[in-house]
Structures are given as C-alpha cells and as structure tokens.
C-alpha atoms as a PDB file:
ATOM      1  CA  MET A   1       0.000   0.000   0.000  1.00  0.00           C
ATOM      2  CA  GLY A   2       1.433   3.340  -1.001  1.00  0.00           C
ATOM      3  CA  THR A   3       1.827   6.323   1.296  1.00  0.00           C
ATOM      4  CA  PRO A   4      -1.447   8.303   1.456  1.00  0.00           C
ATOM      5  CA  THR A   5      -1.218  11.632  -0.307  1.00  0.00           C
ATOM      6  CA  ARG A   6      -2.088  14.762   1.621  1.00  0.00           C
ATOM      7  CA  ARG A   7      -4.580  17.084  -0.044  1.00  0.00           C
ATOM      8  CA  LYS A   8      -2.802  20.134  -1.347  1.00  0.00           C
ATOM      9  CA  ARG A   9      -4.148  23.319   0.198  1.00  0.00           C
ATOM     10  CA  VAL A  10      -5.406  25.688  -2.475  1.00  0.00           C
ATOM     11  CA  ALA A  11      -3.938  29.172  -2.335  1.00  0.00           C
ATOM     12  CA  LYS A  12      -6.641  31.841  -2.297  1.00  0.00           C
ATOM     13  CA  PRO A  13      -6.602  35.659  -2.122  1.00  0.00           C
ATOM     14  CA  PRO A  14      -6.922  36.949   1.467  1.00  0.00           C
ATOM     15  CA  GLU A  15     -10.433  38.340   0.978  1.00  0.00           C
ATOM     16  CA  GLU A  16     -11.672  35.067  -0.463  1.00  0.00           C
ATOM     17  CA  ARG A  17     -10.083  33.115   2.384  1.00  0.00           C
ATOM     18  CA  ARG A  18     -11.642  35.482   4.920  1.00  0.00           C
ATOM     19  CA  LYS A  19     -15.041  34.981   3.296  1.00  0.00           C
ATOM     20  CA  ASP A  20     -14.642  31.195   3.453  1.00  0.00           C
ATOM     21  CA  ILE A  21     -13.931  31.408   7.190  1.00  0.00           C
ATOM     22  CA  MET A  22     -16.871  33.733   7.790  1.00  0.00           C
ATOM     23  CA  ASP A  23     -19.223  31.540   5.760  1.00  0.00           C
ATOM     24  CA  ALA A  24     -18.149  28.523   7.787  1.00  0.00           C
ATOM     25  CA  ALA A  25     -18.593  30.399  11.067  1.00  0.00           C
ATOM     26  CA  ALA A  26     -22.068  31.518  10.021  1.00  0.00           C
ATOM     27  CA  GLU A  27     -23.077  27.912   9.383  1.00  0.00           C
ATOM     28  CA  VAL A  28     -21.586  26.633  12.635  1.00  0.00           C
ATOM     29  CA  PHE A  29     -22.974  29.474  14.758  1.00  0.00           C
ATOM     30  CA  ALA A  30     -26.451  29.202  13.242  1.00  0.00           C
ATOM     31  CA  GLY A  31     -26.541  25.513  14.087  1.00  0.00           C
ATOM     32  CA  LYS A  32     -25.012  25.513  17.572  1.00  0.00           C
ATOM     33  CA  GLY A  33     -24.854  29.072  18.860  1.00  0.00           C
ATOM     34  CA  ILE A  34     -21.648  30.985  19.496  1.00  0.00           C
ATOM     35  CA  ALA A  35     -20.928  29.669  22.986  1.00  0.00           C
ATOM     36  CA  ASP A  36     -21.189  25.985  22.007  1.00  0.00           C
ATOM     37  CA  SER A  37     -19.249  26.355  18.760  1.00  0.00           C
ATOM     38  CA  LYS A  38     -15.549  25.550  18.553  1.00  0.00           C
ATOM     39  CA  ILE A  39     -12.988  27.260  16.379  1.00  0.00           C
ATOM     40  CA  GLU A  40     -11.870  23.806  15.227  1.00  0.00           C
ATOM     41  CA  GLU A  41     -15.354  23.235  13.782  1.00  0.00           C
ATOM     42  CA  ILE A  42     -15.128  26.480  11.834  1.00  0.00           C
ATOM     43  CA  THR A  43     -11.651  25.763  10.491  1.00  0.00           C
ATOM     44  CA  ALA A  44     -12.584  22.209   9.513  1.00  0.00           C
ATOM     45  CA  LEU A  45     -15.590  23.431   7.557  1.00  0.00           C
ATOM     46  CA  ALA A  46     -13.577  26.222   5.931  1.00  0.00           C
ATOM     47  CA  GLU A  47     -10.706  23.797   5.231  1.00  0.00           C
ATOM     48  CA  VAL A  48      -8.094  26.028   6.860  1.00  0.00           C
ATOM     49  CA  SER A  49      -5.748  25.626   9.802  1.00  0.00           C
ATOM     50  CA  LYS A  50      -6.327  27.261  13.190  1.00  0.00           C
ATOM     51  CA  GLY A  51      -3.292  29.390  12.437  1.00  0.00           C
ATOM     52  CA  THR A  52      -5.005  30.720   9.332  1.00  0.00           C
ATOM     53  CA  PHE A  53      -8.131  31.498  11.354  1.00  0.00           C
ATOM     54  CA  TYR A  54      -6.087  33.601  13.779  1.00  0.00           C
ATOM     55  CA  LEU A  55      -4.550  35.557  10.923  1.00  0.00           C
ATOM     56  CA  TYR A  56      -8.025  37.005  10.329  1.00  0.00           C
ATOM     57  CA  PHE A  57      -9.822  36.854  13.679  1.00  0.00           C
ATOM     58  CA  LYS A  58      -8.573  36.840  17.258  1.00  0.00           C
ATOM     59  CA  THR A  59     -11.657  35.261  18.852  1.00  0.00           C
ATOM     60  CA  LYS A  60     -15.087  33.815  18.151  1.00  0.00           C
ATOM     61  CA  ASP A  61     -16.603  37.072  19.354  1.00  0.00           C
ATOM     62  CA  GLU A  62     -14.588  39.019  16.802  1.00  0.00           C
ATOM     63  CA  ILE A  63     -15.764  36.883  13.896  1.00  0.00           C
ATOM     64  CA  ALA A  64     -19.329  37.019  15.250  1.00  0.00           C
ATOM     65  CA  ALA A  65     -19.162  40.825  15.192  1.00  0.00           C
ATOM     66  CA  ALA A  66     -17.844  40.745  11.620  1.00  0.00           C
ATOM     67  CA  LEU A  67     -20.659  38.388  10.623  1.00  0.00           C
ATOM     68  CA  TRP A  68     -23.258  40.683  12.132  1.00  0.00           C
ATOM     69  CA  GLU A  69     -21.890  43.675  10.243  1.00  0.00           C
ATOM     70  CA  ARG A  70     -21.947  41.667   7.007  1.00  0.00           C
ATOM     71  CA  HIS A  71     -25.480  40.462   7.752  1.00  0.00           C
ATOM     72  CA  MET A  72     -26.691  44.018   8.357  1.00  0.00           C
ATOM     73  CA  ASP A  73     -24.918  45.290   5.218  1.00  0.00           C
ATOM     74  CA  ASN A  74     -26.638  42.587   3.188  1.00  0.00           C
ATOM     75  CA  PHE A  75     -29.970  43.494   4.777  1.00  0.00           C
ATOM     76  CA  ALA A  76     -29.537  47.154   3.858  1.00  0.00           C
ATOM     77  CA  GLY A  77     -28.390  46.100   0.401  1.00  0.00           C
ATOM     78  CA  VAL A  78     -31.741  44.430  -0.237  1.00  0.00           C
ATOM     79  CA  GLY A  79     -33.508  47.733   0.314  1.00  0.00           C
ATOM     80  CA  GLU A  80     -30.970  49.774  -1.614  1.00  0.00           C
ATOM     81  CA  LYS A  81     -31.145  47.509  -4.671  1.00  0.00           C
ATOM     82  CA  ILE A  82     -34.936  47.641  -4.832  1.00  0.00           C
ATOM     83  CA  LEU A  83     -35.389  51.356  -4.166  1.00  0.00           C
ATOM     84  CA  SER A  84     -32.624  52.444  -6.548  1.00  0.00           C
ATOM     85  CA  ASN A  85     -34.132  50.593  -9.503  1.00  0.00           C
ATOM     86  CA  THR A  86     -35.961  53.489 -11.140  1.00  0.00           C
ATOM     87  CA  ASP A  87     -37.009  51.290 -14.056  1.00  0.00           C
ATOM     88  CA  VAL A  88     -39.635  49.891 -11.678  1.00  0.00           C
ATOM     89  CA  PRO A  89     -42.618  52.099 -10.692  1.00  0.00           C
ATOM     90  CA  LEU A  90     -42.300  53.673  -7.249  1.00  0.00           C
ATOM     91  CA  ASP A  91     -45.471  52.075  -5.869  1.00  0.00           C
ATOM     92  CA  THR A  92     -44.116  48.623  -6.765  1.00  0.00           C
ATOM     93  CA  ARG A  93     -40.744  49.413  -5.184  1.00  0.00           C
ATOM     94  CA  LEU A  94     -42.286  50.569  -1.925  1.00  0.00           C
ATOM     95  CA  VAL A  95     -44.342  47.400  -1.569  1.00  0.00           C
ATOM     96  CA  ASP A  96     -41.480  45.186  -2.698  1.00  0.00           C
ATOM     97  CA  VAL A  97     -38.958  46.684  -0.294  1.00  0.00           C
ATOM     98  CA  LEU A  98     -40.992  45.970   2.846  1.00  0.00           C
ATOM     99  CA  GLU A  99     -41.917  42.483   1.706  1.00  0.00           C
ATOM    100  CA  SER A 100     -38.329  41.676   0.710  1.00  0.00           C
ATOM    101  CA  LEU A 101     -36.789  43.025   3.913  1.00  0.00           C
ATOM    102  CA  CYS A 102     -39.180  40.877   5.946  1.00  0.00           C
ATOM    103  CA  ARG A 103     -38.368  37.877   3.769  1.00  0.00           C
ATOM    104  CA  PHE A 104     -34.614  38.390   4.145  1.00  0.00           C
ATOM    105  CA  ALA A 105     -34.830  38.608   7.945  1.00  0.00           C
ATOM    106  CA  LEU A 106     -37.025  35.508   8.164  1.00  0.00           C
ATOM    107  CA  ASP A 107     -34.820  33.529   5.765  1.00  0.00           C
ATOM    108  CA  HIS A 108     -31.784  34.268   7.977  1.00  0.00           C
ATOM    109  CA  ALA A 109     -33.586  33.819  11.299  1.00  0.00           C
ATOM    110  CA  ASP A 110     -31.137  31.285  12.791  1.00  0.00           C
ATOM    111  CA  LEU A 111     -28.120  33.508  12.236  1.00  0.00           C
ATOM    112  CA  HIS A 112     -30.025  36.603  13.377  1.00  0.00           C
ATOM    113  CA  ARG A 113     -30.952  34.943  16.672  1.00  0.00           C
ATOM    114  CA  VAL A 114     -27.421  33.937  17.623  1.00  0.00           C
ATOM    115  CA  LEU A 115     -25.730  37.199  16.589  1.00  0.00           C
ATOM    116  CA  TYR A 116     -28.308  39.730  17.801  1.00  0.00           C
ATOM    117  CA  ASP A 117     -27.073  39.957  21.404  1.00  0.00           C
ATOM    118  CA  GLY A 118     -23.367  40.221  20.624  1.00  0.00           C
ATOM    119  CA  ALA A 119     -21.217  43.097  21.804  1.00  0.00           C
ATOM    120  CA  GLY A 120     -21.867  46.170  19.698  1.00  0.00           C
ATOM    121  CA  ALA A 121     -24.624  44.467  17.713  1.00  0.00           C
ATOM    122  CA  GLN A 122     -27.318  46.880  18.821  1.00  0.00           C
ATOM    123  CA  ALA A 123     -25.434  49.923  17.555  1.00  0.00           C
ATOM    124  CA  VAL A 124     -24.868  48.299  14.150  1.00  0.00           C
ATOM    125  CA  HIS A 125     -28.520  47.241  14.022  1.00  0.00           C
ATOM    126  CA  ALA A 126     -29.756  50.732  14.883  1.00  0.00           C
ATOM    127  CA  ALA A 127     -27.514  52.363  12.266  1.00  0.00           C
ATOM    128  CA  THR A 128     -28.735  49.953   9.593  1.00  0.00           C
ATOM    129  CA  ASN A 129     -32.357  50.615  10.521  1.00  0.00           C
ATOM    130  CA  GLU A 130     -31.830  54.365  10.210  1.00  0.00           C
ATOM    131  CA  ARG A 131     -30.183  53.864   6.835  1.00  0.00           C
ATOM    132  CA  LEU A 132     -33.161  51.882   5.543  1.00  0.00           C
ATOM    133  CA  ILE A 133     -35.758  54.210   7.039  1.00  0.00           C
ATOM    134  CA  GLY A 134     -33.979  57.092   5.329  1.00  0.00           C
ATOM    135  CA  MET A 135     -34.089  55.301   1.971  1.00  0.00           C
ATOM    136  CA  ILE A 136     -37.792  54.528   2.284  1.00  0.00           C
ATOM    137  CA  ALA A 137     -38.635  58.045   3.468  1.00  0.00           C
ATOM    138  CA  THR A 138     -36.666  59.638   0.615  1.00  0.00           C
ATOM    139  CA  ALA A 139     -38.464  57.474  -1.930  1.00  0.00           C
ATOM    140  CA  ALA A 140     -41.840  58.282  -0.374  1.00  0.00           C
ATOM    141  CA  ARG A 141     -41.160  62.039  -0.305  1.00  0.00           C
ATOM    142  CA  GLY A 142     -40.227  61.932  -3.963  1.00  0.00           C
ATOM    143  CA  GLY A 143     -43.433  60.100  -4.744  1.00  0.00           C
ATOM    144  CA  VAL A 144     -45.502  62.672  -2.865  1.00  0.00           C
ATOM    145  CA  GLU A 145     -43.811  65.543  -4.703  1.00  0.00           C
ATOM    146  CA  LEU A 146     -44.532  63.917  -8.054  1.00  0.00           C
ATOM    147  CA  GLY A 147     -48.095  63.065  -7.093  1.00  0.00           C
ATOM    148  CA  GLU A 148     -47.424  59.335  -7.439  1.00  0.00           C
ATOM    149  CA  ILE A 149     -48.447  58.472  -3.882  1.00  0.00           C
ATOM    150  CA  GLU A 150     -50.628  60.011  -1.195  1.00  0.00           C
ATOM    151  CA  CYS A 151     -49.101  60.471   2.254  1.00  0.00           C
ATOM    152  CA  SER A 152     -49.216  63.501   4.549  1.00  0.00           C
ATOM    153  CA  HIS A 153     -46.206  62.530   6.671  1.00  0.00           C
ATOM    154  CA  PRO A 154     -43.895  60.320   4.586  1.00  0.00           C
ATOM    155  CA  ASP A 155     -40.945  60.445   6.996  1.00  0.00           C
ATOM    156  CA  MET A 156     -42.982  59.407  10.020  1.00  0.00           C
ATOM    157  CA  MET A 157     -44.927  56.822   8.042  1.00  0.00           C
ATOM    158  CA  ALA A 158     -41.699  55.276   6.749  1.00  0.00           C
ATOM    159  CA  ARG A 159     -40.385  55.025  10.308  1.00  0.00           C
ATOM    160  CA  ALA A 160     -43.585  53.585  11.759  1.00  0.00           C
ATOM    161  CA  LEU A 161     -43.974  51.117   8.907  1.00  0.00           C
ATOM    162  CA  PHE A 162     -40.393  49.893   9.133  1.00  0.00           C
ATOM    163  CA  HIS A 163     -40.315  49.517  12.915  1.00  0.00           C
ATOM    164  CA  GLY A 164     -43.741  47.908  12.955  1.00  0.00           C
ATOM    165  CA  PHE A 165     -42.600  45.120  10.696  1.00  0.00           C
ATOM    166  CA  CYS A 166     -39.229  44.796  12.407  1.00  0.00           C
ATOM    167  CA  GLY A 167     -41.222  44.045  15.538  1.00  0.00           C
ATOM    168  CA  ALA A 168     -43.489  41.594  13.743  1.00  0.00           C
ATOM    169  CA  VAL A 169     -40.512  39.788  12.213  1.00  0.00           C
ATOM    170  CA  THR A 170     -38.851  39.571  15.636  1.00  0.00           C
ATOM    171  CA  ASP A 171     -42.019  38.040  17.084  1.00  0.00           C
ATOM    172  CA  ALA A 172     -42.058  35.490  14.260  1.00  0.00           C
ATOM    173  CA  ILE A 173     -38.355  34.669  14.644  1.00  0.00           C
ATOM    174  CA  THR A 174     -38.515  34.237  18.416  1.00  0.00           C
ATOM    175  CA  GLY A 175     -41.859  32.470  18.435  1.00  0.00           C
ATOM    176  CA  PHE A 176     -43.207  35.148  20.782  1.00  0.00           C
ATOM    177  CA  ALA A 177     -46.429  35.298  18.759  1.00  0.00           C
ATOM    178  CA  PRO A 178     -48.099  32.510  16.735  1.00  0.00           C
ATOM    179  CA  ILE A 179     -47.613  34.094  13.317  1.00  0.00           C
ATOM    180  CA  THR A 180     -46.202  32.544  10.171  1.00  0.00           C
ATOM    181  CA  ASP A 181     -43.600  33.932   7.783  1.00  0.00           C
ATOM    182  CA  ASP A 182     -46.194  34.231   5.021  1.00  0.00           C
ATOM    183  CA  GLU A 183     -48.498  36.241   7.283  1.00  0.00           C
ATOM    184  CA  VAL A 184     -45.745  38.741   8.068  1.00  0.00           C
ATOM    185  CA  ILE A 185     -44.727  39.180   4.426  1.00  0.00           C
ATOM    186  CA  THR A 186     -48.292  39.490   3.144  1.00  0.00           C
ATOM    187  CA  ALA A 187     -49.204  41.965   5.863  1.00  0.00           C
ATOM    188  CA  ALA A 188     -46.097  44.034   5.074  1.00  0.00           C
ATOM    189  CA  GLY A 189     -47.319  44.507   1.510  1.00  0.00           C
ATOM    190  CA  GLU A 190     -50.892  45.265   2.572  1.00  0.00           C
ATOM    191  CA  MET A 191     -49.818  47.804   5.196  1.00  0.00           C
ATOM    192  CA  THR A 192     -47.446  49.532   2.768  1.00  0.00           C
ATOM    193  CA  ARG A 193     -50.240  49.957   0.243  1.00  0.00           C
ATOM    194  CA  ALA A 194     -52.558  51.332   2.937  1.00  0.00           C
ATOM    195  CA  VAL A 195     -49.990  53.745   4.384  1.00  0.00           C
ATOM    196  CA  PHE A 196     -48.980  55.224   1.038  1.00  0.00           C
ATOM    197  CA  GLY A 197     -52.397  55.149  -0.611  1.00  0.00           C
ATOM    198  CA  LEU A 198     -51.441  52.520  -3.178  1.00  0.00           C
ATOM    199  CA  SER A 199     -53.834  50.148  -4.903  1.00  0.00           C
ATOM    200  CA  GLY A 200     -53.691  46.550  -6.089  1.00  0.00           C
ATOM    201  CA  SER A 201     -52.564  43.237  -4.673  1.00  0.00           C
ATOM    202  CA  ALA A 202     -49.052  41.863  -4.319  1.00  0.00           C
ATOM    203  CA  SER A 203     -49.368  40.080  -7.655  1.00  0.00           C
ATOM    204  CA  ASP A 204     -50.695  43.237  -9.315  1.00  0.00           C
ATOM    205  CA  GLN A 205     -47.728  45.210  -7.968  1.00  0.00           C
ATOM    206  CA  GLY A 206     -45.272  42.635  -9.268  1.00  0.00           C
ATOM    207  CA  GLY A 207     -43.417  42.354  -5.975  1.00  0.00           C
ATOM    208  CA  SER A 208     -40.484  39.969  -5.879  1.00  0.00           C
ATOM    209  CA  GLN A 209     -40.986  36.506  -4.475  1.00  0.00           C
ATOM    210  CA  GLU A 210     -37.358  35.550  -3.920  1.00  0.00           C
END
C-alpha cells in the first residue's frame, strides 16, 4: 500500500479566504450558537488551519461581530437595490422593499438569533435601521412631490412602517407570537399599500418573491 497523499491546500486571495472562514462560522454558529461552537469546527468546515483562522480573527466574538456587520450590510443592500431601480414604478418598489426586507430577515432567522445579542450588535442594528428608514422616506417624499403616492407625513410613516414590521418579524423569529412567515410578508405589503395610498394586490404590484 502506497503512502497516502495529503490534499494540497489551495492558495486563495486573502479576501476570499476570509469569506470562506466567515461563511463557515455563520453555518456553525447558526446551528449551535456561538458559545457551544468551537474554532476547530469552523476551520474544519472552511478547510483552513487554526493558524489561518487567527490571521483574520482573534476570537469567536470578533468573527461574530464581523458576521453581524456583514449580515446588516446585506440586509440594507436588499432595500438599496430595490429602491434604486428606477425602471420599476415607485409604488411597486415601496411594496417590494418591505416584503423583501421581511423575507430576508425571516430567511436568515437562525443567524439573526445567535448574533443579535453580541457586543456592539445593537449599535450596528440601529444604524442599519436608520439607513433603511432614510431610503424609504426619501423614496416616499419623492413620490408625494410627483403626485405618485398620497401620504401627509412620509418620513414618520416610513419610520412607523419599518419599525412595525421589524417588531413583527422579531415576534415570528422568536416564536413570541403565533404568526407565520407568510403572514408577516403578506401583511407588510398590505400595510405599505394602505400607508402610502397605493392600490392593487401583491401580484398586481409585481413584488419579488425571492
């Protein structure tokens, strides 16, 4: 029997290697929680050595904080992509953005739960919320000015709408209230249409169903 060959480690750019480690940590943390996860589990999944892990992150808490920032950036990116697409009518974008933000949060519920209480997470969460509320309010104000939507207080309505569904999503994620994902997403579209004086159903508006 010949000597077993050792798998040759593939050289990757630093950013790609960092992403591999973060992706592995996200999977491990979502399944076991941060406290019960081991760095060895992350490195095994990422196919890197512990030494390589420590080149990028000093502790589990540090990589958890980086994951939360990435998660929140991706969350904000959902809203930015939808609202910036001016080829789509504004009323459709406003409905789509609330539905899609709810869907994103629900689809990533396991990771959200384990990262939400980390050090500094609340400040990142609050900043991301303000960023999204600002995007929605700006879009709504523009629609009011052009006569495309009806809303007396677009800034306040954007804030109330966003925080209302953040709360509903949190209740769904934690199981605090007996509501389903579909109920939250459907209600987000219905409430958006009511708040901004829009007409039609979700299918009429052409909202995304990713």
